[in-house]
Amino acid sequence: MTKAAVAGARQERTRDITVGPVGLDGMLAVPEASAGIVLFAHGSGSGRFSPRNNFVARALREAGFATLLFDLLTEEEAQDRANVFDIPLLAERLSMATAWVKHDRETTALPIGYFGASTGAAATLVAASSGAWPIGAIVSRGGRPDLASAALRIVAAPTLLIVGGADTVVLDLNRAALAELRCEKHLAVVPGATHLFEEPGALETVIDLAGNWFTSHLAKGTS
């Protein structure tokens, strides 16, 4: 299904797509003159309809980036909680979606960025560390980069970790992961925000941080 829509002042093309042999459902949106494409890796128990990631994705499209939101697991797979925390499996699915993007005529030339939340953040780091595709930038929102383990030292893509200041346990885990990363990196703490960034203005701050990071790194033309 293809349709035209307007995001801010930008016209965009949207498509429902299917990724890989397992048939992962996804939503692709490509604004005119896109500077790159951001693939979203959702957190535990979430999917392509995540209201927070969709909120971020809309803002990124208004900033000139294409977005792909897709389910990392099939409905049947998602019933098994072990799969939700299977970082190698989630990273494999993200790599599968990345391959789809690189082989699609509309997105093949676009530089690629990853936006991960919760366990999805670990999946972005593991997928990027594989070197299968060049990744221009990574952003983690309330993520668990510590679950990427040894992959942290291999990641080359500039990585931004965004954590709520009141999300103290996850903040400590992100600080530990930051120390392991050897790429260009930054930890941004949103004052007073909890894990889901539900406080007034918190998610807007995430959008500003992520948008600036992708504009500074992804829009340079890495492909």
Protein backbone atom coordinates (compact mmCIF):
# COMPACT_ATOMS: atom_id res chain seq x y z
CA MET A 1 0.00 0.00 0.00
CA THR A 2 1.41 3.36 -1.06
CA LYS A 3 0.04 6.76 -0.20
CA ALA A 4 1.14 10.38 -0.01
CA ALA A 5 1.08 12.34 3.21
CA VAL A 6 2.30 15.66 4.50
CA ALA A 7 4.60 15.89 7.53
CA GLY A 8 5.09 19.53 8.41
CA ALA A 9 6.05 21.23 5.16
CA ARG A 10 7.47 18.02 3.69
CA GLN A 11 5.59 15.62 1.47
CA GLU A 12 6.36 12.00 2.22
CA ARG A 13 5.67 8.60 0.71
CA THR A 14 4.60 5.80 3.03
CA ARG A 15 4.45 2.04 2.49
CA ASP A 16 3.57 -1.01 4.51
CA ILE A 17 6.37 -3.50 3.91
CA THR A 18 7.38 -7.03 4.84
CA VAL A 19 10.94 -7.76 5.92
CA GLY A 20 12.77 -11.05 5.50
CA PRO A 21 11.65 -14.66 5.10
CA VAL A 22 9.91 -14.65 8.50
CA GLY A 23 7.61 -11.85 7.32
CA LEU A 24 8.22 -9.00 9.75
CA ASP A 25 5.69 -6.19 9.28
CA GLY A 26 7.02 -2.68 8.87
CA MET A 27 6.04 0.89 8.08
CA LEU A 28 8.34 2.86 5.78
CA ALA A 29 8.01 6.63 5.38
CA VAL A 30 10.29 8.62 3.06
CA PRO A 31 10.09 12.44 2.97
CA GLU A 32 11.21 14.24 -0.14
CA ALA A 33 14.97 14.90 -0.29
CA SER A 34 15.67 12.66 2.72
CA ALA A 35 19.11 13.10 4.28
CA GLY A 36 19.15 9.51 5.56
CA ILE A 37 16.97 6.78 7.00
CA VAL A 38 16.55 5.82 10.67
CA LEU A 39 15.61 2.23 11.56
CA PHE A 40 13.84 1.81 14.89
CA ALA A 41 14.56 -1.16 17.17
CA HIS A 42 11.80 -1.37 19.77
CA GLY A 43 12.13 -2.40 23.37
CA SER A 44 10.83 -5.46 25.16
CA GLY A 45 7.19 -6.22 24.46
CA SER A 46 6.83 -3.35 21.97
CA GLY A 47 6.57 -3.14 18.19
CA ARG A 48 6.12 -0.90 15.20
CA PHE A 49 3.08 0.81 16.76
CA SER A 50 5.03 2.03 19.81
CA PRO A 51 3.50 5.48 20.50
CA ARG A 52 6.80 6.91 21.77
CA ASN A 53 8.87 5.72 18.84
CA ASN A 54 6.20 6.86 16.40
CA PHE A 55 6.24 10.27 18.06
CA VAL A 56 10.01 10.46 17.61
CA ALA A 57 9.79 9.10 14.06
CA ARG A 58 7.33 11.80 12.99
CA ALA A 59 9.65 14.49 14.29
CA LEU A 60 12.64 12.97 12.50
CA ARG A 61 10.69 12.92 9.24
CA GLU A 62 9.87 16.60 9.71
CA ALA A 63 13.63 17.11 10.07
CA GLY A 64 14.20 15.36 6.74
CA PHE A 65 14.94 11.74 7.63
CA ALA A 66 13.14 8.68 6.33
CA THR A 67 12.06 6.18 8.99
CA LEU A 68 11.40 2.46 9.18
CA LEU A 69 9.46 1.09 12.13
CA PHE A 70 9.08 -2.68 12.09
CA ASP A 71 8.42 -5.63 14.35
CA LEU A 72 11.59 -7.46 15.33
CA LEU A 73 9.56 -10.56 16.24
CA THR A 74 6.54 -12.28 14.73
CA GLU A 75 3.39 -12.41 16.86
CA GLU A 76 4.11 -16.03 17.72
CA GLU A 77 7.74 -15.33 18.65
CA ALA A 78 6.72 -12.40 20.85
CA GLN A 79 4.68 -14.76 23.05
CA ASP A 80 7.94 -16.27 24.31
CA ARG A 81 9.49 -13.77 26.71
CA ALA A 82 12.91 -15.32 26.15
CA ASN A 83 12.87 -13.96 22.59
CA VAL A 84 12.29 -10.42 23.84
CA PHE A 85 15.69 -10.55 25.57
CA ASP A 86 17.49 -12.56 22.88
CA ILE A 87 19.83 -9.76 21.77
CA PRO A 88 21.59 -11.79 19.02
CA LEU A 89 18.18 -12.64 17.53
CA LEU A 90 16.98 -9.04 17.68
CA ALA A 91 20.24 -7.83 16.14
CA GLU A 92 19.89 -10.38 13.35
CA ARG A 93 16.41 -9.07 12.60
CA LEU A 94 17.69 -5.48 12.54
CA SER A 95 20.44 -6.51 10.13
CA MET A 96 17.76 -8.18 8.00
CA ALA A 97 15.81 -4.92 7.88
CA THR A 98 19.00 -3.01 7.06
CA ALA A 99 19.61 -5.32 4.11
CA TRP A 100 16.05 -4.67 2.95
CA VAL A 101 16.66 -0.92 3.07
CA LYS A 102 19.90 -1.21 1.11
CA HIS A 103 18.21 -3.28 -1.61
CA ASP A 104 15.07 -1.18 -1.97
CA ARG A 105 15.23 1.26 -4.87
CA GLU A 106 13.76 4.13 -2.85
CA THR A 107 16.14 3.85 0.09
CA THR A 108 19.30 2.18 -1.25
CA ALA A 109 21.34 5.40 -1.43
CA LEU A 110 20.32 6.77 1.97
CA PRO A 111 22.80 6.81 4.87
CA ILE A 112 21.57 4.56 7.69
CA GLY A 113 21.03 5.35 11.35
CA TYR A 114 19.65 3.26 14.21
CA PHE A 115 17.34 4.37 17.02
CA GLY A 116 16.97 1.81 19.79
CA ALA A 117 14.90 1.70 22.97
CA SER A 118 15.34 -0.63 25.95
CA THR A 119 16.61 -4.03 24.68
CA GLY A 120 16.38 -2.68 21.15
CA ALA A 121 19.31 -0.39 21.93
CA ALA A 122 21.52 -3.40 22.56
CA ALA A 123 20.33 -4.87 19.27
CA THR A 124 21.41 -1.72 17.40
CA LEU A 125 24.90 -1.91 18.86
CA VAL A 126 25.33 -5.61 18.12
CA ALA A 127 24.00 -5.19 14.57
CA ALA A 128 26.29 -2.21 13.95
CA SER A 129 29.31 -4.07 15.32
CA SER A 130 28.88 -6.85 12.75
CA GLY A 131 30.12 -4.58 9.99
CA ALA A 132 27.63 -6.05 7.53
CA TRP A 133 26.46 -2.54 6.60
CA PRO A 134 27.99 0.86 7.34
CA ILE A 135 25.95 2.62 10.03
CA GLY A 136 26.25 6.39 10.24
CA ALA A 137 24.87 7.04 13.72
CA ILE A 138 23.15 5.34 16.66
CA VAL A 139 20.79 6.80 19.27
CA SER A 140 19.61 4.91 22.36
CA ARG A 141 16.54 6.05 24.33
CA GLY A 142 16.32 4.60 27.82
CA GLY A 143 18.29 1.70 26.44
CA ARG A 144 20.18 -1.27 27.77
CA PRO A 145 23.47 -0.91 25.89
CA ASP A 146 25.12 -3.03 28.59
CA LEU A 147 23.36 -6.06 27.06
CA ALA A 148 25.47 -5.60 23.91
CA SER A 149 28.39 -6.95 25.95
CA ALA A 150 31.60 -7.42 23.93
CA ALA A 151 30.09 -5.66 20.90
CA LEU A 152 30.48 -2.32 22.68
CA ARG A 153 34.21 -2.23 21.99
CA ILE A 154 33.68 -2.91 18.28
CA VAL A 155 31.01 -0.35 17.42
CA ALA A 156 32.37 2.35 15.12
CA ALA A 157 29.23 4.45 14.58
CA PRO A 158 28.91 7.64 16.64
CA THR A 159 26.62 6.68 19.52
CA LEU A 160 24.36 8.85 21.69
CA LEU A 161 22.91 7.37 24.88
CA ILE A 162 19.86 9.25 26.22
CA VAL A 163 18.71 8.37 29.74
CA GLY A 164 16.25 9.89 32.18
CA GLY A 165 17.86 11.43 35.25
CA ALA A 166 15.36 9.66 37.52
CA ASP A 167 15.96 6.30 35.84
CA THR A 168 18.87 5.66 38.18
CA VAL A 169 19.50 1.95 37.61
CA VAL A 170 19.48 2.29 33.82
CA LEU A 171 21.58 5.45 34.09
CA ASP A 172 24.29 3.52 35.94
CA LEU A 173 24.17 0.77 33.30
CA ASN A 174 24.55 3.36 30.55
CA ARG A 175 27.52 4.97 32.28
CA ALA A 176 29.22 1.58 32.42
CA ALA A 177 28.46 0.94 28.75
CA LEU A 178 29.73 4.39 27.79
CA ALA A 179 33.09 3.53 29.32
CA GLU A 180 33.29 0.44 27.11
CA LEU A 181 32.48 2.19 23.84
CA ARG A 182 35.50 3.14 21.70
CA CYS A 183 33.61 5.18 19.09
CA GLU A 184 32.56 8.83 19.21
CA LYS A 185 30.07 8.80 22.06
CA HIS A 186 28.00 10.92 24.41
CA LEU A 187 25.67 10.33 27.34
CA ALA A 188 22.79 12.81 27.57
CA VAL A 189 20.79 12.84 30.80
CA VAL A 190 17.27 14.30 30.70
CA PRO A 191 16.72 15.86 34.17
CA GLY A 192 13.80 14.41 36.10
CA ALA A 193 12.76 11.96 33.40
CA THR A 194 11.88 8.37 34.23
CA HIS A 195 12.38 5.29 32.07
CA LEU A 196 9.52 5.97 29.63
CA PHE A 197 10.10 9.75 29.40
CA GLU A 198 6.45 10.38 30.29
CA GLU A 199 7.12 13.69 32.05
CA PRO A 200 6.04 16.91 30.27
CA GLY A 201 8.65 17.91 27.71
CA ALA A 202 10.86 14.85 28.29
CA LEU A 203 10.17 13.15 24.97
CA GLU A 204 10.51 16.48 23.17
CA THR A 205 14.00 16.73 24.67
CA VAL A 206 14.76 13.24 23.34
CA ILE A 207 13.63 14.39 19.89
CA ASP A 208 15.90 17.45 19.99
CA LEU A 209 18.90 15.39 21.10
CA ALA A 210 18.29 12.63 18.56
CA GLY A 211 17.59 15.03 15.72
CA ASN A 212 20.78 16.98 16.36
CA TRP A 213 22.81 13.77 16.57
CA PHE A 214 21.49 12.40 13.29
CA THR A 215 21.84 15.78 11.58
CA SER A 216 25.45 16.10 12.75
CA HIS A 217 26.49 12.54 11.84
CA LEU A 218 24.05 10.76 9.56
CA ALA A 219 23.49 13.67 7.20
CA LYS A 220 27.22 13.80 6.41
CA GLY A 221 26.60 11.22 3.72
CA THR A 222 27.77 7.93 5.21
CA SER A 223 26.23 5.12 3.17
